[in-house]
Amino acid sequence: MTSNVGQSYPYTSETEPDRAARIGALVGEREGLSDTLTAETTPLDANDRWWVWKCPTPACPGLLHVAGYAIDKHALFVVCDGTCAKTFLR
């Protein structure tokens, strides 16, 4: 499987409380992340579980957690909990 195809599939899933706690912790740890999420996302709807993906950044061991819906695009806005600390659209 090529890396592009492999990155399209979720790695695992997490419950809504786990997702919310992880995003809350990342917002508390990373300066400017709260402002980014406010400017670039809309709130999520009610779901019991959310997908989690492996970060595509080389050498980053992180996972991508859903933080909201992208404001201008039909996509999920995700945040890496790893060393790269990047955001992505999924």
C-alpha atoms as a PDB file:
ATOM      1  CA  MET A   1       0.000   0.000   0.000  1.00  0.00           C
ATOM      2  CA  THR A   2       1.384   3.391  -0.909  1.00  0.00           C
ATOM      3  CA  SER A   3       1.809   5.976   1.826  1.00  0.00           C
ATOM      4  CA  ASN A   4      -0.864   8.241   0.319  1.00  0.00           C
ATOM      5  CA  VAL A   5      -3.419   5.459   0.345  1.00  0.00           C
ATOM      6  CA  GLY A   6      -2.362   4.302   3.804  1.00  0.00           C
ATOM      7  CA  GLN A   7      -2.778   7.795   5.228  1.00  0.00           C
ATOM      8  CA  SER A   8      -6.373   7.915   4.028  1.00  0.00           C
ATOM      9  CA  TYR A   9      -7.488   5.162   6.369  1.00  0.00           C
ATOM     10  CA  PRO A  10      -8.105   5.784  10.061  1.00  0.00           C
ATOM     11  CA  TYR A  11      -5.616   4.311  12.511  1.00  0.00           C
ATOM     12  CA  THR A  12      -8.115   3.817  15.334  1.00  0.00           C
ATOM     13  CA  SER A  13     -11.034   5.605  16.945  1.00  0.00           C
ATOM     14  CA  GLU A  14     -11.676   7.278  20.276  1.00  0.00           C
ATOM     15  CA  THR A  15     -14.749   8.108  22.331  1.00  0.00           C
ATOM     16  CA  GLU A  16     -16.094  11.642  22.364  1.00  0.00           C
ATOM     17  CA  PRO A  17     -14.964  12.219  25.988  1.00  0.00           C
ATOM     18  CA  ASP A  18     -11.440  10.985  25.129  1.00  0.00           C
ATOM     19  CA  ARG A  19     -11.306  13.177  22.019  1.00  0.00           C
ATOM     20  CA  ALA A  20     -12.498  16.252  23.892  1.00  0.00           C
ATOM     21  CA  ALA A  21     -10.005  15.663  26.719  1.00  0.00           C
ATOM     22  CA  ARG A  22      -7.098  15.224  24.302  1.00  0.00           C
ATOM     23  CA  ILE A  23      -7.957  18.381  22.344  1.00  0.00           C
ATOM     24  CA  GLY A  24      -8.423  20.282  25.615  1.00  0.00           C
ATOM     25  CA  ALA A  25      -4.989  19.177  26.799  1.00  0.00           C
ATOM     26  CA  LEU A  26      -3.378  20.166  23.485  1.00  0.00           C
ATOM     27  CA  VAL A  27      -5.027  23.599  23.609  1.00  0.00           C
ATOM     28  CA  GLY A  28      -3.623  24.050  27.126  1.00  0.00           C
ATOM     29  CA  GLU A  29      -0.117  22.969  26.070  1.00  0.00           C
ATOM     30  CA  ARG A  30       0.257  24.814  22.756  1.00  0.00           C
ATOM     31  CA  GLU A  31       0.355  28.552  22.490  1.00  0.00           C
ATOM     32  CA  GLY A  32      -1.898  29.856  19.747  1.00  0.00           C
ATOM     33  CA  LEU A  33      -3.798  26.610  19.153  1.00  0.00           C
ATOM     34  CA  SER A  34      -6.970  27.980  20.744  1.00  0.00           C
ATOM     35  CA  ASP A  35      -6.865  31.001  18.421  1.00  0.00           C
ATOM     36  CA  THR A  36      -6.273  28.756  15.405  1.00  0.00           C
ATOM     37  CA  LEU A  37      -9.217  26.523  16.275  1.00  0.00           C
ATOM     38  CA  THR A  38     -11.476  29.532  16.868  1.00  0.00           C
ATOM     39  CA  ALA A  39     -10.517  31.079  13.525  1.00  0.00           C
ATOM     40  CA  GLU A  40     -10.514  27.940  11.385  1.00  0.00           C
ATOM     41  CA  THR A  41     -13.156  25.562  12.765  1.00  0.00           C
ATOM     42  CA  THR A  42     -16.812  25.197  13.591  1.00  0.00           C
ATOM     43  CA  PRO A  43     -18.058  22.963  16.425  1.00  0.00           C
ATOM     44  CA  LEU A  44     -18.542  19.254  15.928  1.00  0.00           C
ATOM     45  CA  ASP A  45     -21.911  17.577  15.963  1.00  0.00           C
ATOM     46  CA  ALA A  46     -22.822  14.866  18.442  1.00  0.00           C
ATOM     47  CA  ASN A  47     -21.017  11.568  17.807  1.00  0.00           C
ATOM     48  CA  ASP A  48     -20.119   8.760  20.179  1.00  0.00           C
ATOM     49  CA  ARG A  49     -16.780   8.044  18.469  1.00  0.00           C
ATOM     50  CA  TRP A  50     -14.319   9.891  16.232  1.00  0.00           C
ATOM     51  CA  TRP A  51     -11.599   8.584  13.924  1.00  0.00           C
ATOM     52  CA  VAL A  52      -7.920   9.013  14.761  1.00  0.00           C
ATOM     53  CA  TRP A  53      -5.200   8.950  12.082  1.00  0.00           C
ATOM     54  CA  LYS A  54      -1.426   8.465  12.170  1.00  0.00           C
ATOM     55  CA  CYS A  55       0.413  11.735  11.531  1.00  0.00           C
ATOM     56  CA  PRO A  56       1.845  11.826   7.978  1.00  0.00           C
ATOM     57  CA  THR A  57       4.849  13.956   9.002  1.00  0.00           C
ATOM     58  CA  PRO A  58       8.054  11.901   8.638  1.00  0.00           C
ATOM     59  CA  ALA A  59       9.505  10.800  12.004  1.00  0.00           C
ATOM     60  CA  CYS A  60       6.535  12.177  13.970  1.00  0.00           C
ATOM     61  CA  PRO A  61       5.044   9.511  16.233  1.00  0.00           C
ATOM     62  CA  GLY A  62       1.834  11.488  16.775  1.00  0.00           C
ATOM     63  CA  LEU A  63      -1.813  10.807  16.135  1.00  0.00           C
ATOM     64  CA  LEU A  64      -4.305  13.213  14.572  1.00  0.00           C
ATOM     65  CA  HIS A  65      -7.354  14.024  16.732  1.00  0.00           C
ATOM     66  CA  VAL A  66     -10.500  15.735  15.419  1.00  0.00           C
ATOM     67  CA  ALA A  67     -10.794  19.304  16.704  1.00  0.00           C
ATOM     68  CA  GLY A  68     -13.720  20.589  14.616  1.00  0.00           C
ATOM     69  CA  TYR A  69     -15.050  21.045  11.122  1.00  0.00           C
ATOM     70  CA  ALA A  70     -13.024  23.242   8.782  1.00  0.00           C
ATOM     71  CA  ILE A  71     -14.805  26.567   8.256  1.00  0.00           C
ATOM     72  CA  ASP A  72     -14.282  26.944   4.501  1.00  0.00           C
ATOM     73  CA  LYS A  73     -13.864  23.350   3.373  1.00  0.00           C
ATOM     74  CA  HIS A  74     -15.794  20.106   3.641  1.00  0.00           C
ATOM     75  CA  ALA A  75     -13.260  18.458   5.949  1.00  0.00           C
ATOM     76  CA  LEU A  76     -12.385  17.601   9.512  1.00  0.00           C
ATOM     77  CA  PHE A  77      -9.768  19.833  11.135  1.00  0.00           C
ATOM     78  CA  VAL A  78      -7.331  17.625  13.052  1.00  0.00           C
ATOM     79  CA  VAL A  79      -4.458  18.336  15.440  1.00  0.00           C
ATOM     80  CA  CYS A  80      -1.334  16.198  15.830  1.00  0.00           C
ATOM     81  CA  ASP A  81      -0.467  15.277  19.408  1.00  0.00           C
ATOM     82  CA  GLY A  82       3.119  14.411  18.436  1.00  0.00           C
ATOM     83  CA  THR A  83       6.371  16.270  18.036  1.00  0.00           C
ATOM     84  CA  CYS A  84       5.437  18.078  14.806  1.00  0.00           C
ATOM     85  CA  ALA A  85       2.404  19.783  16.465  1.00  0.00           C
ATOM     86  CA  LYS A  86       0.845  20.448  13.046  1.00  0.00           C
ATOM     87  CA  THR A  87      -2.786  20.750  12.030  1.00  0.00           C
ATOM     88  CA  PHE A  88      -4.314  19.087   8.975  1.00  0.00           C
ATOM     89  CA  LEU A  89      -7.577  18.750   7.087  1.00  0.00           C
ATOM     90  CA  ARG A  90      -8.908  15.205   6.729  1.00  0.00           C
END
